[in-house]
Structures are given as C-alpha cells and as structure tokens.
Amino acid sequence: MDWAKEGAGNRNPVVIINSNRGIAPIRLSPKPGTRVTLDASSSYDPDGDKLNFSWWVMYEAGTYTNQVMLSRTNSSRTRIEIPSDASGKTIHVICEVTDNGEPPLVGYRRVILSVK
C-alpha cells in the first residue's frame, strides 16, 4: 500500500461515540424503561470529507429480539428507548458513518447495551 505511505487516497471515517475513541465495542448497562443517548458528532474524516450517519439495531447479535425504537436513524445523534421487558437481555446498536470521498468509505462502531 504505497499510496497510504504518502497520505494520498481516501481514508475511513473515525467513529467516536459519547467521547469514546477506538474500535472496541462500547458497553453500557442501562435500566429497563430508560433512555440512552448516543452521540457520534465528534466523529471525523481524516481527509475532511463530509460524513453521513446511519444507526441501526443488529437484532441477530443481541438477545432482545423485539422492536427497539431509535429516535433518529440518519443523524449524528440518536436516543434509544430501552424496552421495559428487556431486563437481562442485550441490544446491539451499530453506528455506520460513510464519507463522500472517492471511493466512499465506511467506519463502524458497535454499542452493546446489557440491560440490567
């Protein structure tokens, strides 16, 4: 990858959620019936490209399989209503950030909600 050595070419967005940097999943332990706010507005693109955000629940990874409500799915911030019947279950939320570079590249971050 000689092009990367010189800093040329498009690079993936860096996804930061609630000031948490890195690539490891973020683990939170909310209570049933509460709201959790996830904020990826500090995310950035190393090349300065415009970012588009997408939030979604990865049902197949979690143990809670009923519907989970996200306040906004195409914004840098979303709020999750923790279902009252989710105690003892996990909910996996994905933040997908796409730049408008050439070619468009994507960065991902997982938030694992272990409901108390």
PDB file of N, CA and C in Angstrom:
ATOM      1  N   MET A   1       0.820  -1.181   0.000  1.00  0.00           N
ATOM      2  CA  MET A   1       0.000   0.000   0.000  1.00  0.00           C
ATOM      3  C   MET A   1       0.865   1.245   0.000  1.00  0.00           C
ATOM      4  N   ASP A   2       1.588   1.452  -1.036  1.00  0.00           N
ATOM      5  CA  ASP A   2       2.462   2.617  -1.122  1.00  0.00           C
ATOM      6  C   ASP A   2       1.707   3.937  -1.091  1.00  0.00           C
ATOM      7  N   TRP A   3       0.476   3.965  -1.641  1.00  0.00           N
ATOM      8  CA  TRP A   3      -0.280   5.204  -1.651  1.00  0.00           C
ATOM      9  C   TRP A   3      -0.587   5.679  -0.230  1.00  0.00           C
ATOM     10  N   ALA A   4      -0.813   4.764   0.701  1.00  0.00           N
ATOM     11  CA  ALA A   4      -1.118   5.124   2.083  1.00  0.00           C
ATOM     12  C   ALA A   4       0.103   5.716   2.784  1.00  0.00           C
ATOM     13  N   LYS A   5       1.283   5.250   2.398  1.00  0.00           N
ATOM     14  CA  LYS A   5       2.522   5.737   3.000  1.00  0.00           C
ATOM     15  C   LYS A   5       2.685   7.238   2.775  1.00  0.00           C
ATOM     16  N   GLU A   6       2.233   7.716   1.632  1.00  0.00           N
ATOM     17  CA  GLU A   6       2.364   9.132   1.283  1.00  0.00           C
ATOM     18  C   GLU A   6       1.162   9.963   1.725  1.00  0.00           C
ATOM     19  N   GLY A   7       0.150   9.312   2.301  1.00  0.00           N
ATOM     20  CA  GLY A   7      -1.022  10.043   2.762  1.00  0.00           C
ATOM     21  C   GLY A   7      -2.009  10.368   1.658  1.00  0.00           C
ATOM     22  N   ALA A   8      -1.853   9.793   0.480  1.00  0.00           N
ATOM     23  CA  ALA A   8      -2.779  10.041  -0.623  1.00  0.00           C
ATOM     24  C   ALA A   8      -3.884   8.999  -0.602  1.00  0.00           C
ATOM     25  N   GLY A   9      -4.997   9.317  -1.189  1.00  0.00           N
ATOM     26  CA  GLY A   9      -6.108   8.373  -1.242  1.00  0.00           C
ATOM     27  C   GLY A   9      -7.078   8.617  -0.103  1.00  0.00           C
ATOM     28  N   ASN A  10      -8.254   8.058  -0.246  1.00  0.00           N
ATOM     29  CA  ASN A  10      -9.295   8.240   0.758  1.00  0.00           C
ATOM     30  C   ASN A  10      -9.038   7.335   1.965  1.00  0.00           C
ATOM     31  N   ARG A  11      -9.411   7.821   3.145  1.00  0.00           N
ATOM     32  CA  ARG A  11      -9.274   7.041   4.373  1.00  0.00           C
ATOM     33  C   ARG A  11     -10.628   6.943   5.072  1.00  0.00           C
ATOM     34  N   ASN A  12     -10.813   5.876   5.835  1.00  0.00           N
ATOM     35  CA  ASN A  12     -12.076   5.639   6.528  1.00  0.00           C
ATOM     36  C   ASN A  12     -12.359   6.709   7.577  1.00  0.00           C
ATOM     37  N   PRO A  13     -13.645   7.019   7.785  1.00  0.00           N
ATOM     38  CA  PRO A  13     -14.014   7.911   8.887  1.00  0.00           C
ATOM     39  C   PRO A  13     -13.636   7.294  10.233  1.00  0.00           C
ATOM     40  N   VAL A  14     -13.388   8.148  11.199  1.00  0.00           N
ATOM     41  CA  VAL A  14     -13.109   7.726  12.573  1.00  0.00           C
ATOM     42  C   VAL A  14     -14.388   7.949  13.368  1.00  0.00           C
ATOM     43  N   VAL A  15     -14.931   6.876  13.931  1.00  0.00           N
ATOM     44  CA  VAL A  15     -16.212   6.946  14.635  1.00  0.00           C
ATOM     45  C   VAL A  15     -15.968   7.065  16.135  1.00  0.00           C
ATOM     46  N   ILE A  16     -16.454   8.158  16.703  1.00  0.00           N
ATOM     47  CA  ILE A  16     -16.326   8.429  18.137  1.00  0.00           C
ATOM     48  C   ILE A  16     -17.738   8.570  18.690  1.00  0.00           C
ATOM     49  N   ILE A  17     -18.071   7.761  19.698  1.00  0.00           N
ATOM     50  CA  ILE A  17     -19.402   7.819  20.287  1.00  0.00           C
ATOM     51  C   ILE A  17     -19.285   8.170  21.762  1.00  0.00           C
ATOM     52  N   ASN A  18     -20.023   9.209  22.169  1.00  0.00           N
ATOM     53  CA  ASN A  18     -20.012   9.675  23.568  1.00  0.00           C
ATOM     54  C   ASN A  18     -18.583   9.878  24.063  1.00  0.00           C
ATOM     55  N   SER A  19     -17.759  10.475  23.227  1.00  0.00           N
ATOM     56  CA  SER A  19     -16.349  10.781  23.515  1.00  0.00           C
ATOM     57  C   SER A  19     -15.468   9.545  23.613  1.00  0.00           C
ATOM     58  N   ASN A  20     -15.972   8.380  23.260  1.00  0.00           N
ATOM     59  CA  ASN A  20     -15.210   7.136  23.336  1.00  0.00           C
ATOM     60  C   ASN A  20     -14.543   6.873  21.993  1.00  0.00           C
ATOM     61  N   ARG A  21     -13.217   6.942  21.997  1.00  0.00           N
ATOM     62  CA  ARG A  21     -12.433   6.688  20.785  1.00  0.00           C
ATOM     63  C   ARG A  21     -12.038   5.225  20.721  1.00  0.00           C
ATOM     64  N   GLY A  22     -11.551   4.794  19.596  1.00  0.00           N
ATOM     65  CA  GLY A  22     -11.077   3.426  19.452  1.00  0.00           C
ATOM     66  C   GLY A  22     -12.001   2.623  18.566  1.00  0.00           C
ATOM     67  N   ILE A  23     -11.746   1.326  18.523  1.00  0.00           N
ATOM     68  CA  ILE A  23     -12.564   0.463  17.675  1.00  0.00           C
ATOM     69  C   ILE A  23     -13.306  -0.613  18.468  1.00  0.00           C
ATOM     70  N   ALA A  24     -13.012  -0.728  19.754  1.00  0.00           N
ATOM     71  CA  ALA A  24     -13.678  -1.742  20.582  1.00  0.00           C
ATOM     72  C   ALA A  24     -15.146  -1.369  20.778  1.00  0.00           C
ATOM     73  N   PRO A  25     -16.009  -2.369  20.923  1.00  0.00           N
ATOM     74  CA  PRO A  25     -17.412  -2.065  21.214  1.00  0.00           C
ATOM     75  C   PRO A  25     -17.536  -1.263  22.509  1.00  0.00           C
ATOM     76  N   ILE A  26     -18.518  -0.395  22.535  1.00  0.00           N
ATOM     77  CA  ILE A  26     -18.825   0.380  23.737  1.00  0.00           C
ATOM     78  C   ILE A  26     -19.870  -0.408  24.512  1.00  0.00           C
ATOM     79  N   ARG A  27     -19.643  -0.602  25.802  1.00  0.00           N
ATOM     80  CA  ARG A  27     -20.569  -1.388  26.627  1.00  0.00           C
ATOM     81  C   ARG A  27     -21.243  -0.483  27.653  1.00  0.00           C
ATOM     82  N   LEU A  28     -22.573  -0.500  27.615  1.00  0.00           N
ATOM     83  CA  LEU A  28     -23.373   0.280  28.553  1.00  0.00           C
ATOM     84  C   LEU A  28     -24.356  -0.651  29.250  1.00  0.00           C
ATOM     85  N   SER A  29     -24.784  -0.270  30.464  1.00  0.00           N
ATOM     86  CA  SER A  29     -25.708  -1.107  31.248  1.00  0.00           C
ATOM     87  C   SER A  29     -26.912  -0.282  31.701  1.00  0.00           C
ATOM     88  N   PRO A  30     -27.810   0.041  30.780  1.00  0.00           N
ATOM     89  CA  PRO A  30     -28.985   0.831  31.162  1.00  0.00           C
ATOM     90  C   PRO A  30     -30.041  -0.010  31.869  1.00  0.00           C
ATOM     91  N   LYS A  31     -30.957   0.664  32.530  1.00  0.00           N
ATOM     92  CA  LYS A  31     -32.077   0.001  33.178  1.00  0.00           C
ATOM     93  C   LYS A  31     -33.265  -0.025  32.218  1.00  0.00           C
ATOM     94  N   PRO A  32     -34.148  -1.013  32.363  1.00  0.00           N
ATOM     95  CA  PRO A  32     -35.353  -1.047  31.532  1.00  0.00           C
ATOM     96  C   PRO A  32     -36.174   0.231  31.717  1.00  0.00           C
ATOM     97  N   GLY A  33     -36.783   0.693  30.637  1.00  0.00           N
ATOM     98  CA  GLY A  33     -37.644   1.867  30.698  1.00  0.00           C
ATOM     99  C   GLY A  33     -36.912   3.198  30.662  1.00  0.00           C
ATOM    100  N   THR A  34     -35.585   3.181  30.531  1.00  0.00           N
ATOM    101  CA  THR A  34     -34.822   4.426  30.470  1.00  0.00           C
ATOM    102  C   THR A  34     -34.487   4.773  29.016  1.00  0.00           C
ATOM    103  N   ARG A  35     -33.900   5.949  28.852  1.00  0.00           N
ATOM    104  CA  ARG A  35     -33.449   6.395  27.534  1.00  0.00           C
ATOM    105  C   ARG A  35     -31.931   6.504  27.545  1.00  0.00           C
ATOM    106  N   VAL A  36     -31.320   6.088  26.439  1.00  0.00           N
ATOM    107  CA  VAL A  36     -29.868   6.196  26.281  1.00  0.00           C
ATOM    108  C   VAL A  36     -29.613   7.073  25.064  1.00  0.00           C
ATOM    109  N   THR A  37     -28.797   8.108  25.246  1.00  0.00           N
ATOM    110  CA  THR A  37     -28.425   8.975  24.136  1.00  0.00           C
ATOM    111  C   THR A  37     -27.051   8.570  23.633  1.00  0.00           C
ATOM    112  N   LEU A  38     -26.930   8.386  22.331  1.00  0.00           N
ATOM    113  CA  LEU A  38     -25.652   8.080  21.687  1.00  0.00           C
ATOM    114  C   LEU A  38     -25.311   9.232  20.761  1.00  0.00           C
ATOM    115  N   ASP A  39     -24.122   9.780  20.943  1.00  0.00           N
ATOM    116  CA  ASP A  39     -23.706  10.972  20.222  1.00  0.00           C
ATOM    117  C   ASP A  39     -22.410  10.692  19.470  1.00  0.00           C
ATOM    118  N   ALA A  40     -22.489  10.673  18.149  1.00  0.00           N
ATOM    119  CA  ALA A  40     -21.312  10.440  17.301  1.00  0.00           C
ATOM    120  C   ALA A  40     -20.873  11.721  16.595  1.00  0.00           C
ATOM    121  N   SER A  41     -21.296  12.879  17.111  1.00  0.00           N
ATOM    122  CA  SER A  41     -20.989  14.140  16.435  1.00  0.00           C
ATOM    123  C   SER A  41     -19.503  14.506  16.465  1.00  0.00           C
ATOM    124  N   SER A  42     -18.710  13.868  17.320  1.00  0.00           N
ATOM    125  CA  SER A  42     -17.258  14.115  17.339  1.00  0.00           C
ATOM    126  C   SER A  42     -16.520  13.274  16.299  1.00  0.00           C
ATOM    127  N   SER A  43     -17.238  12.411  15.591  1.00  0.00           N
ATOM    128  CA  SER A  43     -16.616  11.598  14.537  1.00  0.00           C
ATOM    129  C   SER A  43     -16.068  12.529  13.455  1.00  0.00           C
ATOM    130  N   TYR A  44     -15.051  12.051  12.758  1.00  0.00           N
ATOM    131  CA  TYR A  44     -14.447  12.897  11.730  1.00  0.00           C
ATOM    132  C   TYR A  44     -13.862  12.042  10.612  1.00  0.00           C
ATOM    133  N   ASP A  45     -13.583  12.708   9.522  1.00  0.00           N
ATOM    134  CA  ASP A  45     -12.917  12.052   8.405  1.00  0.00           C
ATOM    135  C   ASP A  45     -11.502  12.621   8.293  1.00  0.00           C
ATOM    136  N   PRO A  46     -10.476  11.769   8.268  1.00  0.00           N
ATOM    137  CA  PRO A  46      -9.096  12.256   8.199  1.00  0.00           C
ATOM    138  C   PRO A  46      -8.815  13.114   6.961  1.00  0.00           C
ATOM    139  N   ASP A  47      -9.637  12.946   5.917  1.00  0.00           N
ATOM    140  CA  ASP A  47      -9.454  13.711   4.688  1.00  0.00           C
ATOM    141  C   ASP A  47     -10.343  14.948   4.632  1.00  0.00           C
ATOM    142  N   GLY A  48     -11.165  15.148   5.654  1.00  0.00           N
ATOM    143  CA  GLY A  48     -12.055  16.297   5.681  1.00  0.00           C
ATOM    144  C   GLY A  48     -13.332  16.105   4.880  1.00  0.00           C
ATOM    145  N   ASP A  49     -13.620  14.875   4.461  1.00  0.00           N
ATOM    146  CA  ASP A  49     -14.832  14.613   3.682  1.00  0.00           C
ATOM    147  C   ASP A  49     -16.083  14.773   4.544  1.00  0.00           C
ATOM    148  N   LYS A  50     -17.201  15.055   3.888  1.00  0.00           N
ATOM    149  CA  LYS A  50     -18.499  15.150   4.547  1.00  0.00           C
ATOM    150  C   LYS A  50     -18.911  13.762   5.027  1.00  0.00           C
ATOM    151  N   LEU A  51     -19.577  13.706   6.189  1.00  0.00           N
ATOM    152  CA  LEU A  51     -19.986  12.427   6.770  1.00  0.00           C
ATOM    153  C   LEU A  51     -21.504  12.270   6.761  1.00  0.00           C
ATOM    154  N   ASN A  52     -21.940  11.051   6.526  1.00  0.00           N
ATOM    155  CA  ASN A  52     -23.347  10.666   6.643  1.00  0.00           C
ATOM    156  C   ASN A  52     -23.444   9.568   7.688  1.00  0.00           C
ATOM    157  N   PHE A  53     -24.469   9.661   8.546  1.00  0.00           N
ATOM    158  CA  PHE A  53     -24.623   8.748   9.671  1.00  0.00           C
ATOM    159  C   PHE A  53     -25.828   7.842   9.484  1.00  0.00           C
ATOM    160  N   SER A  54     -25.696   6.615   9.959  1.00  0.00           N
ATOM    161  CA  SER A  54     -26.809   5.669   9.959  1.00  0.00           C
ATOM    162  C   SER A  54     -26.712   4.830  11.230  1.00  0.00           C
ATOM    163  N   TRP A  55     -27.807   4.782  11.994  1.00  0.00           N
ATOM    164  CA  TRP A  55     -27.881   3.980  13.221  1.00  0.00           C
ATOM    165  C   TRP A  55     -28.873   2.857  12.988  1.00  0.00           C
ATOM    166  N   TRP A  56     -28.537   1.662  13.440  1.00  0.00           N
ATOM    167  CA  TRP A  56     -29.460   0.541  13.320  1.00  0.00           C
ATOM    168  C   TRP A  56     -29.173  -0.501  14.387  1.00  0.00           C
ATOM    169  N   VAL A  57     -30.198  -1.296  14.669  1.00  0.00           N
ATOM    170  CA  VAL A  57     -30.099  -2.362  15.661  1.00  0.00           C
ATOM    171  C   VAL A  57     -29.748  -3.655  14.935  1.00  0.00           C
ATOM    172  N   MET A  58     -28.718  -4.339  15.425  1.00  0.00           N
ATOM    173  CA  MET A  58     -28.332  -5.641  14.863  1.00  0.00           C
ATOM    174  C   MET A  58     -29.000  -6.715  15.725  1.00  0.00           C
ATOM    175  N   TYR A  59     -30.226  -7.031  15.357  1.00  0.00           N
ATOM    176  CA  TYR A  59     -31.030  -7.954  16.158  1.00  0.00           C
ATOM    177  C   TYR A  59     -30.397  -9.338  16.281  1.00  0.00           C
ATOM    178  N   GLU A  60     -29.762  -9.800  15.216  1.00  0.00           N
ATOM    179  CA  GLU A  60     -29.203 -11.153  15.237  1.00  0.00           C
ATOM    180  C   GLU A  60     -28.024 -11.300  16.206  1.00  0.00           C
ATOM    181  N   ALA A  61     -27.416 -10.196  16.636  1.00  0.00           N
ATOM    182  CA  ALA A  61     -26.285 -10.268  17.563  1.00  0.00           C
ATOM    183  C   ALA A  61     -26.727 -10.205  19.029  1.00  0.00           C
ATOM    184  N   GLY A  62     -27.880  -9.586  19.285  1.00  0.00           N
ATOM    185  CA  GLY A  62     -28.340  -9.428  20.655  1.00  0.00           C
ATOM    186  C   GLY A  62     -29.295 -10.531  21.076  1.00  0.00           C
ATOM    187  N   THR A  63     -29.680 -10.494  22.342  1.00  0.00           N
ATOM    188  CA  THR A  63     -30.623 -11.485  22.852  1.00  0.00           C
ATOM    189  C   THR A  63     -32.028 -10.920  22.994  1.00  0.00           C
ATOM    190  N   TYR A  64     -32.193  -9.605  22.821  1.00  0.00           N
ATOM    191  CA  TYR A  64     -33.523  -8.997  22.808  1.00  0.00           C
ATOM    192  C   TYR A  64     -33.967  -8.914  21.360  1.00  0.00           C
ATOM    193  N   THR A  65     -35.053  -9.588  21.027  1.00  0.00           N
ATOM    194  CA  THR A  65     -35.452  -9.698  19.622  1.00  0.00           C
ATOM    195  C   THR A  65     -36.682  -8.880  19.258  1.00  0.00           C
ATOM    196  N   ASN A  66     -37.321  -8.238  20.236  1.00  0.00           N
ATOM    197  CA  ASN A  66     -38.471  -7.387  19.927  1.00  0.00           C
ATOM    198  C   ASN A  66     -37.990  -6.037  19.382  1.00  0.00           C
ATOM    199  N   GLN A  67     -38.934  -5.240  18.917  1.00  0.00           N
ATOM    200  CA  GLN A  67     -38.619  -3.938  18.321  1.00  0.00           C
ATOM    201  C   GLN A  67     -37.958  -2.998  19.328  1.00  0.00           C
ATOM    202  N   VAL A  68     -36.919  -2.295  18.887  1.00  0.00           N
ATOM    203  CA  VAL A  68     -36.233  -1.280  19.686  1.00  0.00           C
ATOM    204  C   VAL A  68     -36.357   0.041  18.931  1.00  0.00           C
ATOM    205  N   MET A  69     -36.794   1.074  19.628  1.00  0.00           N
ATOM    206  CA  MET A  69     -37.019   2.370  18.989  1.00  0.00           C
ATOM    207  C   MET A  69     -35.773   3.255  19.068  1.00  0.00           C
ATOM    208  N   LEU A  70     -35.349   3.749  17.906  1.00  0.00           N
ATOM    209  CA  LEU A  70     -34.282   4.742  17.811  1.00  0.00           C
ATOM    210  C   LEU A  70     -34.931   6.063  17.407  1.00  0.00           C
ATOM    211  N   SER A  71     -34.569   7.164  18.086  1.00  0.00           N
ATOM    212  CA  SER A  71     -35.218   8.446  17.803  1.00  0.00           C
ATOM    213  C   SER A  71     -34.901   8.949  16.401  1.00  0.00           C
ATOM    214  N   ARG A  72     -33.664   8.799  15.975  1.00  0.00           N
ATOM    215  CA  ARG A  72     -33.242   9.222  14.634  1.00  0.00           C
ATOM    216  C   ARG A  72     -32.269   8.187  14.107  1.00  0.00           C
ATOM    217  N   THR A  73     -32.398   7.855  12.852  1.00  0.00           N
ATOM    218  CA  THR A  73     -31.503   6.852  12.283  1.00  0.00           C
ATOM    219  C   THR A  73     -30.508   7.438  11.293  1.00  0.00           C
ATOM    220  N   ASN A  74     -30.691   8.695  10.874  1.00  0.00           N
ATOM    221  CA  ASN A  74     -29.789   9.321   9.892  1.00  0.00           C
ATOM    222  C   ASN A  74     -29.230  10.643  10.406  1.00  0.00           C
ATOM    223  N   SER A  75     -28.801  10.640  11.640  1.00  0.00           N
ATOM    224  CA  SER A  75     -28.281  11.828  12.294  1.00  0.00           C
ATOM    225  C   SER A  75     -27.027  11.433  13.074  1.00  0.00           C
ATOM    226  N   SER A  76     -26.251  12.405  13.500  1.00  0.00           N
ATOM    227  CA  SER A  76     -25.059  12.084  14.295  1.00  0.00           C
ATOM    228  C   SER A  76     -25.436  11.670  15.719  1.00  0.00           C
ATOM    229  N   ARG A  77     -26.674  11.952  16.128  1.00  0.00           N
ATOM    230  CA  ARG A  77     -27.132  11.582  17.468  1.00  0.00           C
ATOM    231  C   ARG A  77     -28.422  10.769  17.365  1.00  0.00           C
ATOM    232  N   THR A  78     -28.577   9.844  18.295  1.00  0.00           N
ATOM    233  CA  THR A  78     -29.828   9.097  18.403  1.00  0.00           C
ATOM    234  C   THR A  78     -30.110   8.832  19.862  1.00  0.00           C
ATOM    235  N   ARG A  79     -31.354   8.555  20.146  1.00  0.00           N
ATOM    236  CA  ARG A  79     -31.756   8.194  21.511  1.00  0.00           C
ATOM    237  C   ARG A  79     -32.498   6.868  21.420  1.00  0.00           C
ATOM    238  N   ILE A  80     -32.208   5.983  22.351  1.00  0.00           N
ATOM    239  CA  ILE A  80     -32.802   4.651  22.363  1.00  0.00           C
ATOM    240  C   ILE A  80     -33.707   4.528  23.578  1.00  0.00           C
ATOM    241  N   GLU A  81     -34.915   4.087  23.335  1.00  0.00           N
ATOM    242  CA  GLU A  81     -35.854   3.782  24.419  1.00  0.00           C
ATOM    243  C   GLU A  81     -35.602   2.328  24.813  1.00  0.00           C
ATOM    244  N   ILE A  82     -35.102   2.108  26.020  1.00  0.00           N
ATOM    245  CA  ILE A  82     -34.842   0.744  26.475  1.00  0.00           C
ATOM    246  C   ILE A  82     -36.183   0.106  26.851  1.00  0.00           C
ATOM    247  N   PRO A  83     -36.569  -0.954  26.157  1.00  0.00           N
ATOM    248  CA  PRO A  83     -37.869  -1.578  26.437  1.00  0.00           C
ATOM    249  C   PRO A  83     -37.972  -2.064  27.879  1.00  0.00           C
ATOM    250  N   SER A  84     -39.170  -1.948  28.445  1.00  0.00           N
ATOM    251  CA  SER A  84     -39.383  -2.346  29.839  1.00  0.00           C
ATOM    252  C   SER A  84     -39.258  -3.850  30.047  1.00  0.00           C
ATOM    253  N   ASP A  85     -39.365  -4.628  28.958  1.00  0.00           N
ATOM    254  CA  ASP A  85     -39.252  -6.086  29.084  1.00  0.00           C
ATOM    255  C   ASP A  85     -37.880  -6.623  28.657  1.00  0.00           C
ATOM    256  N   ALA A  86     -36.874  -5.738  28.609  1.00  0.00           N
ATOM    257  CA  ALA A  86     -35.554  -6.146  28.122  1.00  0.00           C
ATOM    258  C   ALA A  86     -34.574  -6.524  29.227  1.00  0.00           C
ATOM    259  N   SER A  87     -35.018  -6.586  30.461  1.00  0.00           N
ATOM    260  CA  SER A  87     -34.123  -6.912  31.572  1.00  0.00           C
ATOM    261  C   SER A  87     -33.411  -8.248  31.331  1.00  0.00           C
ATOM    262  N   GLY A  88     -32.091  -8.248  31.527  1.00  0.00           N
ATOM    263  CA  GLY A  88     -31.282  -9.453  31.340  1.00  0.00           C
ATOM    264  C   GLY A  88     -30.917  -9.737  29.894  1.00  0.00           C
ATOM    265  N   LYS A  89     -31.318  -8.866  28.997  1.00  0.00           N
ATOM    266  CA  LYS A  89     -31.058  -9.059  27.558  1.00  0.00           C
ATOM    267  C   LYS A  89     -30.006  -8.065  27.070  1.00  0.00           C
ATOM    268  N   THR A  90     -29.477  -8.340  25.877  1.00  0.00           N
ATOM    269  CA  THR A  90     -28.536  -7.412  25.247  1.00  0.00           C
ATOM    270  C   THR A  90     -29.129  -6.877  23.948  1.00  0.00           C
ATOM    271  N   ILE A  91     -28.793  -5.621  23.665  1.00  0.00           N
ATOM    272  CA  ILE A  91     -29.206  -4.943  22.439  1.00  0.00           C
ATOM    273  C   ILE A  91     -27.940  -4.402  21.791  1.00  0.00           C
ATOM    274  N   HIS A  92     -27.717  -4.732  20.534  1.00  0.00           N
ATOM    275  CA  HIS A  92     -26.539  -4.264  19.809  1.00  0.00           C
ATOM    276  C   HIS A  92     -26.962  -3.173  18.834  1.00  0.00           C
ATOM    277  N   VAL A  93     -26.388  -1.980  19.005  1.00  0.00           N
ATOM    278  CA  VAL A  93     -26.678  -0.843  18.137  1.00  0.00           C
ATOM    279  C   VAL A  93     -25.421  -0.529  17.338  1.00  0.00           C
ATOM    280  N   ILE A  94     -25.591  -0.334  16.039  1.00  0.00           N
ATOM    281  CA  ILE A  94     -24.467  -0.044  15.147  1.00  0.00           C
ATOM    282  C   ILE A  94     -24.557   1.397  14.666  1.00  0.00           C
ATOM    283  N   CYS A  95     -23.440   2.085  14.716  1.00  0.00           N
ATOM    284  CA  CYS A  95     -23.314   3.403  14.102  1.00  0.00           C
ATOM    285  C   CYS A  95     -22.450   3.228  12.855  1.00  0.00           C
ATOM    286  N   GLU A  96     -23.023   3.542  11.713  1.00  0.00           N
ATOM    287  CA  GLU A  96     -22.342   3.419  10.420  1.00  0.00           C
ATOM    288  C   GLU A  96     -22.103   4.825   9.886  1.00  0.00           C
ATOM    289  N   VAL A  97     -20.855   5.169   9.641  1.00  0.00           N
ATOM    290  CA  VAL A  97     -20.502   6.506   9.182  1.00  0.00           C
ATOM    291  C   VAL A  97     -19.814   6.387   7.816  1.00  0.00           C
ATOM    292  N   THR A  98     -20.394   7.029   6.811  1.00  0.00           N
ATOM    293  CA  THR A  98     -19.879   6.964   5.443  1.00  0.00           C
ATOM    294  C   THR A  98     -19.388   8.340   5.013  1.00  0.00           C
ATOM    295  N   ASP A  99     -18.200   8.392   4.410  1.00  0.00           N
ATOM    296  CA  ASP A  99     -17.711   9.669   3.889  1.00  0.00           C
ATOM    297  C   ASP A  99     -18.139   9.825   2.427  1.00  0.00           C
ATOM    298  N   ASN A 100     -17.932  11.024   1.891  1.00  0.00           N
ATOM    299  CA  ASN A 100     -18.278  11.254   0.489  1.00  0.00           C
ATOM    300  C   ASN A 100     -17.029  11.313  -0.386  1.00  0.00           C
ATOM    301  N   GLY A 101     -15.967  10.619   0.049  1.00  0.00           N
ATOM    302  CA  GLY A 101     -14.722  10.566  -0.722  1.00  0.00           C
ATOM    303  C   GLY A 101     -14.851   9.636  -1.917  1.00  0.00           C
ATOM    304  N   GLU A 102     -13.768   9.498  -2.628  1.00  0.00           N
ATOM    305  CA  GLU A 102     -13.738   8.636  -3.821  1.00  0.00           C
ATOM    306  C   GLU A 102     -12.697   7.557  -3.635  1.00  0.00           C
ATOM    307  N   PRO A 103     -13.078   6.312  -3.450  1.00  0.00           N
ATOM    308  CA  PRO A 103     -14.456   5.832  -3.304  1.00  0.00           C
ATOM    309  C   PRO A 103     -14.972   6.136  -1.906  1.00  0.00           C
ATOM    310  N   PRO A 104     -16.308   6.151  -1.716  1.00  0.00           N
ATOM    311  CA  PRO A 104     -16.849   6.364  -0.373  1.00  0.00           C
ATOM    312  C   PRO A 104     -16.401   5.230   0.551  1.00  0.00           C
ATOM    313  N   LEU A 105     -15.975   5.584   1.747  1.00  0.00           N
ATOM    314  CA  LEU A 105     -15.552   4.582   2.725  1.00  0.00           C
ATOM    315  C   LEU A 105     -16.418   4.682   3.977  1.00  0.00           C
ATOM    316  N   VAL A 106     -16.446   3.585   4.733  1.00  0.00           N
ATOM    317  CA  VAL A 106     -17.333   3.484   5.888  1.00  0.00           C
ATOM    318  C   VAL A 106     -16.534   3.133   7.138  1.00  0.00           C
ATOM    319  N   GLY A 107     -16.927   3.719   8.253  1.00  0.00           N
ATOM    320  CA  GLY A 107     -16.430   3.343   9.569  1.00  0.00           C
ATOM    321  C   GLY A 107     -17.613   2.872  10.395  1.00  0.00           C
ATOM    322  N   TYR A 108     -17.401   1.884  11.249  1.00  0.00           N
ATOM    323  CA  TYR A 108     -18.472   1.321  12.070  1.00  0.00           C
ATOM    324  C   TYR A 108     -18.075   1.360  13.538  1.00  0.00           C
ATOM    325  N   ARG A 109     -19.088   1.416  14.399  1.00  0.00           N
ATOM    326  CA  ARG A 109     -18.862   1.278  15.834  1.00  0.00           C
ATOM    327  C   ARG A 109     -20.065   0.597  16.429  1.00  0.00           C
ATOM    328  N   ARG A 110     -19.826  -0.350  17.309  1.00  0.00           N
ATOM    329  CA  ARG A 110     -20.899  -1.112  17.956  1.00  0.00           C
ATOM    330  C   ARG A 110     -21.066  -0.650  19.397  1.00  0.00           C
ATOM    331  N   VAL A 111     -22.323  -0.520  19.808  1.00  0.00           N
ATOM    332  CA  VAL A 111     -22.662  -0.243  21.200  1.00  0.00           C
ATOM    333  C   VAL A 111     -23.476  -1.426  21.695  1.00  0.00           C
ATOM    334  N   ILE A 112     -22.998  -2.056  22.765  1.00  0.00           N
ATOM    335  CA  ILE A 112     -23.701  -3.199  23.343  1.00  0.00           C
ATOM    336  C   ILE A 112     -24.373  -2.742  24.627  1.00  0.00           C
ATOM    337  N   LEU A 113     -25.694  -2.806  24.629  1.00  0.00           N
ATOM    338  CA  LEU A 113     -26.480  -2.421  25.787  1.00  0.00           C
ATOM    339  C   LEU A 113     -26.863  -3.697  26.541  1.00  0.00           C
ATOM    340  N   SER A 114     -26.283  -3.874  27.725  1.00  0.00           N
ATOM    341  CA  SER A 114     -26.626  -5.025  28.585  1.00  0.00           C
ATOM    342  C   SER A 114     -27.615  -4.508  29.612  1.00  0.00           C
ATOM    343  N   VAL A 115     -28.883  -4.778  29.370  1.00  0.00           N
ATOM    344  CA  VAL A 115     -29.938  -4.197  30.197  1.00  0.00           C
ATOM    345  C   VAL A 115     -29.966  -4.893  31.552  1.00  0.00           C
ATOM    346  N   LYS A 116     -29.935  -4.091  32.621  1.00  0.00           N
ATOM    347  CA  LYS A 116     -29.887  -4.627  33.998  1.00  0.00           C
ATOM    348  C   LYS A 116     -31.211  -5.247  34.386  1.00  0.00           C
TER     349      LYS A 116
END
